[in-house]
Amino acid sequence: MLSWWQSKQNSSWRVGVMPADRETALAIVRTGKGQRPLLRHCAIHPAIEIKAEHVLAPLNRTREFARAGVSGVLSTQDYELVQVEAPEVHPHELRAAVRWKLRDIINFPVAEAVIDVFDIPRQARYVETRMVFVVAARGEAVDRIVRLIKPRVRRFDVMDIPEMCLRNLSALLPQDSQGVALVALGDGFAQVVLTCQGTLYLARRIELTSDSDGPGIDAAGVALELQRSLDYYESHYDRPAINEIVIASGDARAEQLRDGLVTETGMSVEVFEPSELFEVAAGVEPDLRWPGLIALGAALRAHGSRS
């Protein structure tokens, strides 16, 4: 993603930070080849109790964390993720070349946008044009996070977005080997990512509505929108069907929606369980509500990776 500070990492620790007005989520993970990631911290700190800069302060007091790479994450309202046709230019000219294409697509002046580009997997044979994902972030939001994080840590090297953080989590799932839909529940919405073998194929947001028979999520509505995404993945990329769904929410909604989606889709539906994917350090109880989940995904970013 938006990687301006490419520095050689000497530590296998990475920190994910998602700051917001009301809370800051922080996750700390150590990765090692052939080992399950070690989850050392995953919590959401309310701003009323502790400011974002105070959340970061302890990192430099611990030697092993002081050398960790740090990923900051933009809030969903501070960027747009779109698909555009790839211009026929040299790769290093791609960011500049796609900027003009965004003028009538994004909802803020393109002159104020910070742009990054990453590849979309090859489409089906009958699709002639090559498309790319483009992240257009509000420059003001990027600057705000840089000012918050960079002075307080040694190795702030990446600005990320929630879709790619969820891709990192989805890539850990055993179902990802054949293709999986990860459904992450936020406040009034569900963010869906479809991945296979660590590659992001599709990301979309579904607005959540209540079930007409009670206060729970309308599983039928989610199932309909999810099936449309799965059909698009299968036909547009000429891929085998995805039949595995994993739901993450950090609260009771995941279990409730799981039961509803099993009924509506007949697919295998599971709830995201960090203990099955991570070695969780003693005393750590991961907070997997939306900000914590995203910070956790940010902490899984591979060192030196552009995506």
C-alpha atoms as a PDB file:
ATOM      1  CA  MET A   1       0.000   0.000   0.000  1.00  0.00           C
ATOM      2  CA  LEU A   2       1.052   3.609   0.522  1.00  0.00           C
ATOM      3  CA  SER A   3       4.668   2.840   1.392  1.00  0.00           C
ATOM      4  CA  TRP A   4       6.844   5.927   1.447  1.00  0.00           C
ATOM      5  CA  TRP A   5       9.306   4.931   4.131  1.00  0.00           C
ATOM      6  CA  GLN A   6      10.836   1.729   2.847  1.00  0.00           C
ATOM      7  CA  SER A   7      13.359   0.761   5.489  1.00  0.00           C
ATOM      8  CA  LYS A   8      15.006  -2.572   6.118  1.00  0.00           C
ATOM      9  CA  GLN A   9      13.281  -4.343   8.970  1.00  0.00           C
ATOM     10  CA  ASN A  10      15.433  -6.111  11.542  1.00  0.00           C
ATOM     11  CA  SER A  11      12.506  -7.346  13.606  1.00  0.00           C
ATOM     12  CA  SER A  12       9.808  -9.919  12.937  1.00  0.00           C
ATOM     13  CA  TRP A  13       7.417  -7.860  15.056  1.00  0.00           C
ATOM     14  CA  ARG A  14       4.898  -5.572  13.376  1.00  0.00           C
ATOM     15  CA  VAL A  15       2.472  -3.111  14.913  1.00  0.00           C
ATOM     16  CA  GLY A  16      -0.887  -2.190  13.404  1.00  0.00           C
ATOM     17  CA  VAL A  17      -2.452   1.118  14.470  1.00  0.00           C
ATOM     18  CA  MET A  18      -5.923   2.353  13.536  1.00  0.00           C
ATOM     19  CA  PRO A  19      -6.486   5.783  15.087  1.00  0.00           C
ATOM     20  CA  ALA A  20      -9.878   7.489  15.166  1.00  0.00           C
ATOM     21  CA  ASP A  21     -11.546  10.341  17.005  1.00  0.00           C
ATOM     22  CA  ARG A  22     -13.219   8.142  19.615  1.00  0.00           C
ATOM     23  CA  GLU A  23     -10.757   5.266  19.887  1.00  0.00           C
ATOM     24  CA  THR A  24      -7.415   3.849  18.779  1.00  0.00           C
ATOM     25  CA  ALA A  25      -6.887   0.180  18.003  1.00  0.00           C
ATOM     26  CA  LEU A  26      -3.433  -1.335  18.456  1.00  0.00           C
ATOM     27  CA  ALA A  27      -2.230  -4.830  17.549  1.00  0.00           C
ATOM     28  CA  ILE A  28       1.247  -6.356  17.898  1.00  0.00           C
ATOM     29  CA  VAL A  29       2.168  -9.561  16.064  1.00  0.00           C
ATOM     30  CA  ARG A  30       5.382 -11.522  15.524  1.00  0.00           C
ATOM     31  CA  THR A  31       5.636 -13.604  12.379  1.00  0.00           C
ATOM     32  CA  GLY A  32       8.150 -16.323  11.583  1.00  0.00           C
ATOM     33  CA  LYS A  33       8.648 -18.648   8.663  1.00  0.00           C
ATOM     34  CA  GLY A  34       6.877 -21.938   9.216  1.00  0.00           C
ATOM     35  CA  GLN A  35       5.345 -20.767  12.497  1.00  0.00           C
ATOM     36  CA  ARG A  36       1.950 -19.510  13.492  1.00  0.00           C
ATOM     37  CA  PRO A  37       1.974 -15.750  14.165  1.00  0.00           C
ATOM     38  CA  LEU A  38       2.345 -14.811  17.815  1.00  0.00           C
ATOM     39  CA  LEU A  39      -0.353 -12.370  18.916  1.00  0.00           C
ATOM     40  CA  ARG A  40       1.007 -10.201  21.715  1.00  0.00           C
ATOM     41  CA  HIS A  41      -1.605  -7.430  21.848  1.00  0.00           C
ATOM     42  CA  CYS A  42      -4.925  -6.579  20.213  1.00  0.00           C
ATOM     43  CA  ALA A  43      -7.032  -3.972  21.960  1.00  0.00           C
ATOM     44  CA  ILE A  44      -9.211  -0.923  21.366  1.00  0.00           C
ATOM     45  CA  HIS A  45      -8.374   2.050  23.578  1.00  0.00           C
ATOM     46  CA  PRO A  46     -11.223   4.587  23.999  1.00  0.00           C
ATOM     47  CA  ALA A  47     -10.069   8.169  23.453  1.00  0.00           C
ATOM     48  CA  ILE A  48     -11.917   9.285  26.537  1.00  0.00           C
ATOM     49  CA  GLU A  49      -9.486   7.212  28.622  1.00  0.00           C
ATOM     50  CA  ILE A  50      -6.221   7.509  26.725  1.00  0.00           C
ATOM     51  CA  LYS A  51      -5.106   9.609  23.747  1.00  0.00           C
ATOM     52  CA  ALA A  52      -3.747   7.972  20.610  1.00  0.00           C
ATOM     53  CA  GLU A  53      -0.231   9.272  21.203  1.00  0.00           C
ATOM     54  CA  HIS A  54      -0.229   7.649  24.648  1.00  0.00           C
ATOM     55  CA  VAL A  55      -1.203   4.303  23.117  1.00  0.00           C
ATOM     56  CA  LEU A  56       1.982   4.435  21.028  1.00  0.00           C
ATOM     57  CA  ALA A  57       4.336   5.599  23.774  1.00  0.00           C
ATOM     58  CA  PRO A  58       5.094   2.167  25.337  1.00  0.00           C
ATOM     59  CA  LEU A  59       6.405   0.816  22.019  1.00  0.00           C
ATOM     60  CA  ASN A  60       9.726   2.614  22.383  1.00  0.00           C
ATOM     61  CA  ARG A  61      10.181   1.462  25.981  1.00  0.00           C
ATOM     62  CA  THR A  62      10.437  -2.182  24.944  1.00  0.00           C
ATOM     63  CA  ARG A  63      13.506  -3.110  22.934  1.00  0.00           C
ATOM     64  CA  GLU A  64      11.860  -5.781  20.809  1.00  0.00           C
ATOM     65  CA  PHE A  65       8.919  -3.532  19.898  1.00  0.00           C
ATOM     66  CA  ALA A  66      11.069  -0.459  19.254  1.00  0.00           C
ATOM     67  CA  ARG A  67      12.485  -2.149  16.148  1.00  0.00           C
ATOM     68  CA  ALA A  68       9.090  -3.281  14.869  1.00  0.00           C
ATOM     69  CA  GLY A  69       7.635  -2.002  11.631  1.00  0.00           C
ATOM     70  CA  VAL A  70       4.492   0.064  12.128  1.00  0.00           C
ATOM     71  CA  SER A  71       1.478   0.176   9.815  1.00  0.00           C
ATOM     72  CA  GLY A  72      -1.074   2.968  10.156  1.00  0.00           C
ATOM     73  CA  VAL A  73      -4.588   2.380   8.809  1.00  0.00           C
ATOM     74  CA  LEU A  74      -6.932   4.906   7.221  1.00  0.00           C
ATOM     75  CA  SER A  75     -10.558   5.051   8.314  1.00  0.00           C
ATOM     76  CA  THR A  76     -13.112   4.058   5.674  1.00  0.00           C
ATOM     77  CA  GLN A  77     -14.313   7.644   5.177  1.00  0.00           C
ATOM     78  CA  ASP A  78     -10.791   8.867   4.351  1.00  0.00           C
ATOM     79  CA  TYR A  79     -10.203   7.047   1.061  1.00  0.00           C
ATOM     80  CA  GLU A  80     -11.900   5.368  -1.870  1.00  0.00           C
ATOM     81  CA  LEU A  81     -10.955   2.048  -3.448  1.00  0.00           C
ATOM     82  CA  VAL A  82     -11.944   1.846  -7.107  1.00  0.00           C
ATOM     83  CA  GLN A  83     -11.184  -0.152 -10.218  1.00  0.00           C
ATOM     84  CA  VAL A  84     -10.002   1.586 -13.381  1.00  0.00           C
ATOM     85  CA  GLU A  85      -8.658   0.466 -16.720  1.00  0.00           C
ATOM     86  CA  ALA A  86      -4.873   0.272 -16.584  1.00  0.00           C
ATOM     87  CA  PRO A  87      -3.142   2.817 -18.845  1.00  0.00           C
ATOM     88  CA  GLU A  88      -0.461   1.470 -21.176  1.00  0.00           C
ATOM     89  CA  VAL A  89       2.479   3.101 -19.409  1.00  0.00           C
ATOM     90  CA  HIS A  90       5.667   2.032 -17.653  1.00  0.00           C
ATOM     91  CA  PRO A  91       4.924   0.681 -14.125  1.00  0.00           C
ATOM     92  CA  HIS A  92       6.666   3.581 -12.393  1.00  0.00           C
ATOM     93  CA  GLU A  93       4.377   6.021 -14.266  1.00  0.00           C
ATOM     94  CA  LEU A  94       1.177   4.202 -13.341  1.00  0.00           C
ATOM     95  CA  ARG A  95       0.192   6.295 -10.311  1.00  0.00           C
ATOM     96  CA  ALA A  96       0.442   9.534 -12.256  1.00  0.00           C
ATOM     97  CA  ALA A  97      -1.342   8.069 -15.258  1.00  0.00           C
ATOM     98  CA  VAL A  98      -4.397   6.850 -13.343  1.00  0.00           C
ATOM     99  CA  ARG A  99      -4.864  10.120 -11.448  1.00  0.00           C
ATOM    100  CA  TRP A 100      -6.698  11.851 -14.267  1.00  0.00           C
ATOM    101  CA  LYS A 101      -9.097   8.889 -14.564  1.00  0.00           C
ATOM    102  CA  LEU A 102     -10.325   9.554 -11.021  1.00  0.00           C
ATOM    103  CA  ARG A 103     -11.729  13.025 -11.654  1.00  0.00           C
ATOM    104  CA  ASP A 104     -15.286  11.803 -12.221  1.00  0.00           C
ATOM    105  CA  ILE A 105     -15.089   8.773  -9.928  1.00  0.00           C
ATOM    106  CA  ILE A 106     -14.037   9.885  -6.450  1.00  0.00           C
ATOM    107  CA  ASN A 107     -16.053  12.226  -4.234  1.00  0.00           C
ATOM    108  CA  PHE A 108     -13.305  14.735  -3.434  1.00  0.00           C
ATOM    109  CA  PRO A 109     -10.891  16.798  -5.577  1.00  0.00           C
ATOM    110  CA  VAL A 110      -8.330  14.553  -7.238  1.00  0.00           C
ATOM    111  CA  ALA A 111      -5.686  17.226  -6.656  1.00  0.00           C
ATOM    112  CA  GLU A 112      -6.023  16.538  -2.925  1.00  0.00           C
ATOM    113  CA  ALA A 113      -5.671  12.764  -3.296  1.00  0.00           C
ATOM    114  CA  VAL A 114      -2.729  10.554  -2.421  1.00  0.00           C
ATOM    115  CA  ILE A 115      -2.738   7.746  -4.971  1.00  0.00           C
ATOM    116  CA  ASP A 116      -1.558   4.150  -4.901  1.00  0.00           C
ATOM    117  CA  VAL A 117      -2.176   1.314  -7.362  1.00  0.00           C
ATOM    118  CA  PHE A 118      -2.101  -2.459  -7.066  1.00  0.00           C
ATOM    119  CA  ASP A 119      -2.915  -5.233  -9.490  1.00  0.00           C
ATOM    120  CA  ILE A 120      -6.201  -7.019  -9.929  1.00  0.00           C
ATOM    121  CA  PRO A 121      -5.809 -10.710 -10.798  1.00  0.00           C
ATOM    122  CA  ARG A 122      -6.104 -11.560 -14.479  1.00  0.00           C
ATOM    123  CA  GLN A 123      -9.704 -11.599 -15.620  1.00  0.00           C
ATOM    124  CA  ALA A 124     -11.414 -14.247 -17.726  1.00  0.00           C
ATOM    125  CA  ARG A 125     -10.202 -14.779 -21.268  1.00  0.00           C
ATOM    126  CA  TYR A 126     -13.081 -12.854 -22.846  1.00  0.00           C
ATOM    127  CA  VAL A 127     -12.277  -9.657 -20.886  1.00  0.00           C
ATOM    128  CA  GLU A 128      -9.891  -7.659 -23.053  1.00  0.00           C
ATOM    129  CA  THR A 129      -9.072  -4.692 -20.827  1.00  0.00           C
ATOM    130  CA  ARG A 130      -6.662  -4.940 -17.886  1.00  0.00           C
ATOM    131  CA  MET A 131      -7.981  -3.378 -14.701  1.00  0.00           C
ATOM    132  CA  VAL A 132      -6.176  -2.219 -11.572  1.00  0.00           C
ATOM    133  CA  PHE A 133      -7.235  -1.313  -8.049  1.00  0.00           C
ATOM    134  CA  VAL A 134      -6.626   2.344  -7.198  1.00  0.00           C
ATOM    135  CA  VAL A 135      -6.596   3.739  -3.673  1.00  0.00           C
ATOM    136  CA  ALA A 136      -7.353   7.451  -3.558  1.00  0.00           C
ATOM    137  CA  ALA A 137      -6.774   8.724  -0.028  1.00  0.00           C
ATOM    138  CA  ARG A 138      -7.574  12.188   1.263  1.00  0.00           C
ATOM    139  CA  GLY A 139      -4.226  13.937   1.647  1.00  0.00           C
ATOM    140  CA  GLU A 140      -5.394  15.654   4.817  1.00  0.00           C
ATOM    141  CA  ALA A 141      -6.203  12.300   6.444  1.00  0.00           C
ATOM    142  CA  VAL A 142      -2.859  10.813   5.443  1.00  0.00           C
ATOM    143  CA  ASP A 143      -1.013  13.818   6.874  1.00  0.00           C
ATOM    144  CA  ARG A 144      -2.976  13.579  10.116  1.00  0.00           C
ATOM    145  CA  ILE A 145      -1.960   9.966  10.699  1.00  0.00           C
ATOM    146  CA  VAL A 146       1.642  10.657   9.708  1.00  0.00           C
ATOM    147  CA  ARG A 147       1.829  13.515  12.239  1.00  0.00           C
ATOM    148  CA  LEU A 148       0.355  11.282  14.925  1.00  0.00           C
ATOM    149  CA  ILE A 149       2.479   8.173  14.410  1.00  0.00           C
ATOM    150  CA  LYS A 150       5.805   9.088  12.812  1.00  0.00           C
ATOM    151  CA  PRO A 151       7.254  11.222  15.660  1.00  0.00           C
ATOM    152  CA  ARG A 152       6.441   8.530  18.232  1.00  0.00           C
ATOM    153  CA  VAL A 153       7.864   5.354  16.662  1.00  0.00           C
ATOM    154  CA  ARG A 154      11.099   4.496  14.886  1.00  0.00           C
ATOM    155  CA  ARG A 155       9.902   2.459  11.926  1.00  0.00           C
ATOM    156  CA  PHE A 156       6.610   3.782  10.621  1.00  0.00           C
ATOM    157  CA  ASP A 157       6.753   2.556   7.029  1.00  0.00           C
ATOM    158  CA  VAL A 158       3.258   1.845   5.691  1.00  0.00           C
ATOM    159  CA  MET A 159      -0.170   3.424   5.385  1.00  0.00           C
ATOM    160  CA  ASP A 160      -2.784   0.741   4.828  1.00  0.00           C
ATOM    161  CA  ILE A 161      -6.515   0.411   4.189  1.00  0.00           C
ATOM    162  CA  PRO A 162      -9.010  -1.966   5.840  1.00  0.00           C
ATOM    163  CA  GLU A 163      -9.589  -4.083   2.719  1.00  0.00           C
ATOM    164  CA  MET A 164      -5.916  -5.048   2.542  1.00  0.00           C
ATOM    165  CA  CYS A 165      -5.774  -5.654   6.291  1.00  0.00           C
ATOM    166  CA  LEU A 166      -8.682  -8.068   5.926  1.00  0.00           C
ATOM    167  CA  ARG A 167      -6.896  -9.689   2.994  1.00  0.00           C
ATOM    168  CA  ASN A 168      -3.987 -10.425   5.354  1.00  0.00           C
ATOM    169  CA  LEU A 169      -6.349 -12.117   7.805  1.00  0.00           C
ATOM    170  CA  SER A 170      -8.176 -14.017   5.096  1.00  0.00           C
ATOM    171  CA  ALA A 171      -4.862 -15.327   3.739  1.00  0.00           C
ATOM    172  CA  LEU A 172      -4.271 -17.050   7.114  1.00  0.00           C
ATOM    173  CA  LEU A 173      -7.478 -19.049   6.866  1.00  0.00           C
ATOM    174  CA  PRO A 174      -7.069 -22.662   5.770  1.00  0.00           C
ATOM    175  CA  GLN A 175     -10.063 -22.146   3.446  1.00  0.00           C
ATOM    176  CA  ASP A 176      -8.032 -19.572   1.495  1.00  0.00           C
ATOM    177  CA  SER A 177      -6.205 -22.366  -0.334  1.00  0.00           C
ATOM    178  CA  GLN A 178      -9.380 -22.996  -2.384  1.00  0.00           C
ATOM    179  CA  GLY A 179     -11.002 -19.578  -1.988  1.00  0.00           C
ATOM    180  CA  VAL A 180     -12.898 -17.981   0.875  1.00  0.00           C
ATOM    181  CA  ALA A 181     -15.244 -15.101   1.610  1.00  0.00           C
ATOM    182  CA  LEU A 182     -14.340 -13.209   4.782  1.00  0.00           C
ATOM    183  CA  VAL A 183     -17.220 -11.104   6.114  1.00  0.00           C
ATOM    184  CA  ALA A 184     -16.134  -8.517   8.708  1.00  0.00           C
ATOM    185  CA  LEU A 185     -18.935  -6.770  10.578  1.00  0.00           C
ATOM    186  CA  GLY A 186     -18.596  -3.093  11.394  1.00  0.00           C
ATOM    187  CA  ASP A 187     -21.066  -0.583  12.818  1.00  0.00           C
ATOM    188  CA  GLY A 188     -23.979  -0.900  10.398  1.00  0.00           C
ATOM    189  CA  PHE A 189     -22.046  -2.500   7.557  1.00  0.00           C
ATOM    190  CA  ALA A 190     -20.267  -5.663   6.478  1.00  0.00           C
ATOM    191  CA  GLN A 191     -16.986  -5.544   4.574  1.00  0.00           C
ATOM    192  CA  VAL A 192     -16.579  -8.566   2.313  1.00  0.00           C
ATOM    193  CA  VAL A 193     -13.265  -9.676   0.820  1.00  0.00           C
ATOM    194  CA  LEU A 194     -12.864 -12.643  -1.502  1.00  0.00           C
ATOM    195  CA  THR A 195      -9.396 -14.184  -1.543  1.00  0.00           C
ATOM    196  CA  CYS A 196      -7.687 -17.258  -2.883  1.00  0.00           C
ATOM    197  CA  GLN A 197      -4.109 -18.220  -2.030  1.00  0.00           C
ATOM    198  CA  GLY A 198      -3.505 -14.808  -0.499  1.00  0.00           C
ATOM    199  CA  THR A 199      -4.709 -12.823  -3.517  1.00  0.00           C
ATOM    200  CA  LEU A 200      -7.493 -10.259  -3.173  1.00  0.00           C
ATOM    201  CA  TYR A 201     -10.030 -10.708  -5.952  1.00  0.00           C
ATOM    202  CA  LEU A 202     -12.930  -8.602  -4.768  1.00  0.00           C
ATOM    203  CA  ALA A 203     -13.803  -6.220  -1.939  1.00  0.00           C
ATOM    204  CA  ARG A 204     -17.207  -4.703  -1.355  1.00  0.00           C
ATOM    205  CA  ARG A 205     -19.202  -3.114   1.435  1.00  0.00           C
ATOM    206  CA  ILE A 206     -22.735  -4.223   2.312  1.00  0.00           C
ATOM    207  CA  GLU A 207     -24.999  -1.992   4.375  1.00  0.00           C
ATOM    208  CA  LEU A 208     -26.649  -4.001   7.153  1.00  0.00           C
ATOM    209  CA  THR A 209     -30.360  -3.872   7.889  1.00  0.00           C
ATOM    210  CA  SER A 210     -32.324  -5.410  10.739  1.00  0.00           C
ATOM    211  CA  ASP A 211     -34.321  -8.585  10.382  1.00  0.00           C
ATOM    212  CA  SER A 212     -38.032  -7.870  10.063  1.00  0.00           C
ATOM    213  CA  ASP A 213     -38.705 -10.488  12.737  1.00  0.00           C
ATOM    214  CA  GLY A 214     -36.330  -9.057  15.334  1.00  0.00           C
ATOM    215  CA  PRO A 215     -33.299  -6.904  16.130  1.00  0.00           C
ATOM    216  CA  GLY A 216     -30.767  -9.216  14.439  1.00  0.00           C
ATOM    217  CA  ILE A 217     -29.093  -8.737  11.062  1.00  0.00           C
ATOM    218  CA  ASP A 218     -31.159  -9.459   7.954  1.00  0.00           C
ATOM    219  CA  ALA A 219     -29.291 -12.610   6.907  1.00  0.00           C
ATOM    220  CA  ALA A 220     -31.342 -12.975   3.720  1.00  0.00           C
ATOM    221  CA  GLY A 221     -30.229  -9.543   2.530  1.00  0.00           C
ATOM    222  CA  VAL A 222     -26.591 -10.279   3.311  1.00  0.00           C
ATOM    223  CA  ALA A 223     -26.831 -13.660   1.600  1.00  0.00           C
ATOM    224  CA  LEU A 224     -28.238 -12.080  -1.559  1.00  0.00           C
ATOM    225  CA  GLU A 225     -25.482  -9.481  -1.816  1.00  0.00           C
ATOM    226  CA  LEU A 226     -22.827 -12.034  -0.925  1.00  0.00           C
ATOM    227  CA  GLN A 227     -24.057 -14.419  -3.611  1.00  0.00           C
ATOM    228  CA  ARG A 228     -23.836 -11.642  -6.198  1.00  0.00           C
ATOM    229  CA  SER A 229     -20.201 -11.109  -5.236  1.00  0.00           C
ATOM    230  CA  LEU A 230     -19.463 -14.837  -5.405  1.00  0.00           C
ATOM    231  CA  ASP A 231     -21.113 -15.109  -8.820  1.00  0.00           C
ATOM    232  CA  TYR A 232     -19.046 -12.171 -10.087  1.00  0.00           C
ATOM    233  CA  TYR A 233     -15.853 -13.772  -8.809  1.00  0.00           C
ATOM    234  CA  GLU A 234     -16.671 -17.080 -10.494  1.00  0.00           C
ATOM    235  CA  SER A 235     -17.647 -15.635 -13.886  1.00  0.00           C
ATOM    236  CA  HIS A 236     -15.403 -12.576 -14.151  1.00  0.00           C
ATOM    237  CA  TYR A 237     -12.221 -14.390 -13.136  1.00  0.00           C
ATOM    238  CA  ASP A 238     -13.203 -17.791 -14.523  1.00  0.00           C
ATOM    239  CA  ARG A 239     -12.580 -19.347 -11.098  1.00  0.00           C
ATOM    240  CA  PRO A 240     -14.067 -22.357  -9.290  1.00  0.00           C
ATOM    241  CA  ALA A 241     -16.924 -21.420  -6.980  1.00  0.00           C
ATOM    242  CA  ILE A 242     -16.192 -20.298  -3.424  1.00  0.00           C
ATOM    243  CA  ASN A 243     -18.199 -22.329  -0.937  1.00  0.00           C
ATOM    244  CA  GLU A 244     -16.579 -21.234   2.330  1.00  0.00           C
ATOM    245  CA  ILE A 245     -17.624 -18.196   4.378  1.00  0.00           C
ATOM    246  CA  VAL A 246     -15.969 -16.906   7.558  1.00  0.00           C
ATOM    247  CA  ILE A 247     -17.563 -14.178   9.689  1.00  0.00           C
ATOM    248  CA  ALA A 248     -15.638 -11.883  12.030  1.00  0.00           C
ATOM    249  CA  SER A 249     -17.214  -9.400  14.408  1.00  0.00           C
ATOM    250  CA  GLY A 250     -15.871  -9.751  17.945  1.00  0.00           C
ATOM    251  CA  ASP A 251     -19.417  -9.875  19.298  1.00  0.00           C
ATOM    252  CA  ALA A 252     -22.557 -12.017  19.248  1.00  0.00           C
ATOM    253  CA  ARG A 253     -23.544 -10.884  15.740  1.00  0.00           C
ATOM    254  CA  ALA A 254     -21.110 -13.336  14.125  1.00  0.00           C
ATOM    255  CA  GLU A 255     -22.858 -16.358  15.641  1.00  0.00           C
ATOM    256  CA  GLN A 256     -26.282 -14.948  14.788  1.00  0.00           C
ATOM    257  CA  LEU A 257     -25.370 -14.208  11.191  1.00  0.00           C
ATOM    258  CA  ARG A 258     -23.656 -17.578  10.801  1.00  0.00           C
ATOM    259  CA  ASP A 259     -26.857 -19.430  11.588  1.00  0.00           C
ATOM    260  CA  GLY A 260     -28.799 -17.248   9.175  1.00  0.00           C
ATOM    261  CA  LEU A 261     -26.303 -17.625   6.327  1.00  0.00           C
ATOM    262  CA  VAL A 262     -26.182 -21.406   6.728  1.00  0.00           C
ATOM    263  CA  THR A 263     -29.953 -21.440   6.262  1.00  0.00           C
ATOM    264  CA  GLU A 264     -29.938 -18.972   3.370  1.00  0.00           C
ATOM    265  CA  THR A 265     -26.950 -20.271   1.416  1.00  0.00           C
ATOM    266  CA  GLY A 266     -26.385 -23.902   2.404  1.00  0.00           C
ATOM    267  CA  MET A 267     -22.655 -23.139   2.421  1.00  0.00           C
ATOM    268  CA  SER A 268     -20.061 -23.857   5.078  1.00  0.00           C
ATOM    269  CA  VAL A 269     -20.073 -20.829   7.403  1.00  0.00           C
ATOM    270  CA  GLU A 270     -17.670 -20.433  10.313  1.00  0.00           C
ATOM    271  CA  VAL A 271     -16.826 -17.733  12.849  1.00  0.00           C
ATOM    272  CA  PHE A 272     -13.317 -16.238  12.838  1.00  0.00           C
ATOM    273  CA  GLU A 273     -11.406 -17.657  15.805  1.00  0.00           C
ATOM    274  CA  PRO A 274      -7.962 -16.099  16.452  1.00  0.00           C
ATOM    275  CA  SER A 275      -6.863 -19.021  18.647  1.00  0.00           C
ATOM    276  CA  GLU A 276      -7.040 -21.288  15.594  1.00  0.00           C
ATOM    277  CA  LEU A 277      -4.723 -19.052  13.537  1.00  0.00           C
ATOM    278  CA  PHE A 278      -2.428 -17.409  16.102  1.00  0.00           C
ATOM    279  CA  GLU A 279      -0.373 -18.358  19.103  1.00  0.00           C
ATOM    280  CA  VAL A 280      -2.066 -16.031  21.564  1.00  0.00           C
ATOM    281  CA  ALA A 281       0.234 -14.813  24.335  1.00  0.00           C
ATOM    282  CA  ALA A 282      -0.803 -15.529  27.911  1.00  0.00           C
ATOM    283  CA  GLY A 283      -3.249 -13.006  29.282  1.00  0.00           C
ATOM    284  CA  VAL A 284      -4.188 -11.595  25.866  1.00  0.00           C
ATOM    285  CA  GLU A 285      -7.881 -11.453  25.002  1.00  0.00           C
ATOM    286  CA  PRO A 286      -8.082 -10.059  21.447  1.00  0.00           C
ATOM    287  CA  ASP A 287     -10.756  -7.442  20.838  1.00  0.00           C
ATOM    288  CA  LEU A 288     -11.987  -8.311  17.351  1.00  0.00           C
ATOM    289  CA  ARG A 289     -14.561  -5.609  16.950  1.00  0.00           C
ATOM    290  CA  TRP A 290     -13.995  -3.694  13.695  1.00  0.00           C
ATOM    291  CA  PRO A 291     -11.065  -1.415  14.705  1.00  0.00           C
ATOM    292  CA  GLY A 292      -9.238  -4.215  16.538  1.00  0.00           C
ATOM    293  CA  LEU A 293      -9.742  -6.640  13.667  1.00  0.00           C
ATOM    294  CA  ILE A 294      -8.345  -4.131  11.177  1.00  0.00           C
ATOM    295  CA  ALA A 295      -5.341  -3.304  13.365  1.00  0.00           C
ATOM    296  CA  LEU A 296      -4.669  -7.031  13.666  1.00  0.00           C
ATOM    297  CA  GLY A 297      -4.704  -7.405   9.892  1.00  0.00           C
ATOM    298  CA  ALA A 298      -2.346  -4.437   9.557  1.00  0.00           C
ATOM    299  CA  ALA A 299       0.098  -6.124  11.933  1.00  0.00           C
ATOM    300  CA  LEU A 300       0.193  -9.135   9.589  1.00  0.00           C
ATOM    301  CA  ARG A 301       1.586  -7.211   6.660  1.00  0.00           C
ATOM    302  CA  ALA A 302       4.624  -8.965   5.199  1.00  0.00           C
ATOM    303  CA  HIS A 303       7.884  -7.050   5.604  1.00  0.00           C
ATOM    304  CA  GLY A 304       8.858  -5.304   2.422  1.00  0.00           C
ATOM    305  CA  SER A 305       5.559  -6.166   0.711  1.00  0.00           C
ATOM    306  CA  ARG A 306       3.878  -3.659  -1.558  1.00  0.00           C
ATOM    307  CA  SER A 307       0.441  -5.125  -0.996  1.00  0.00           C
END
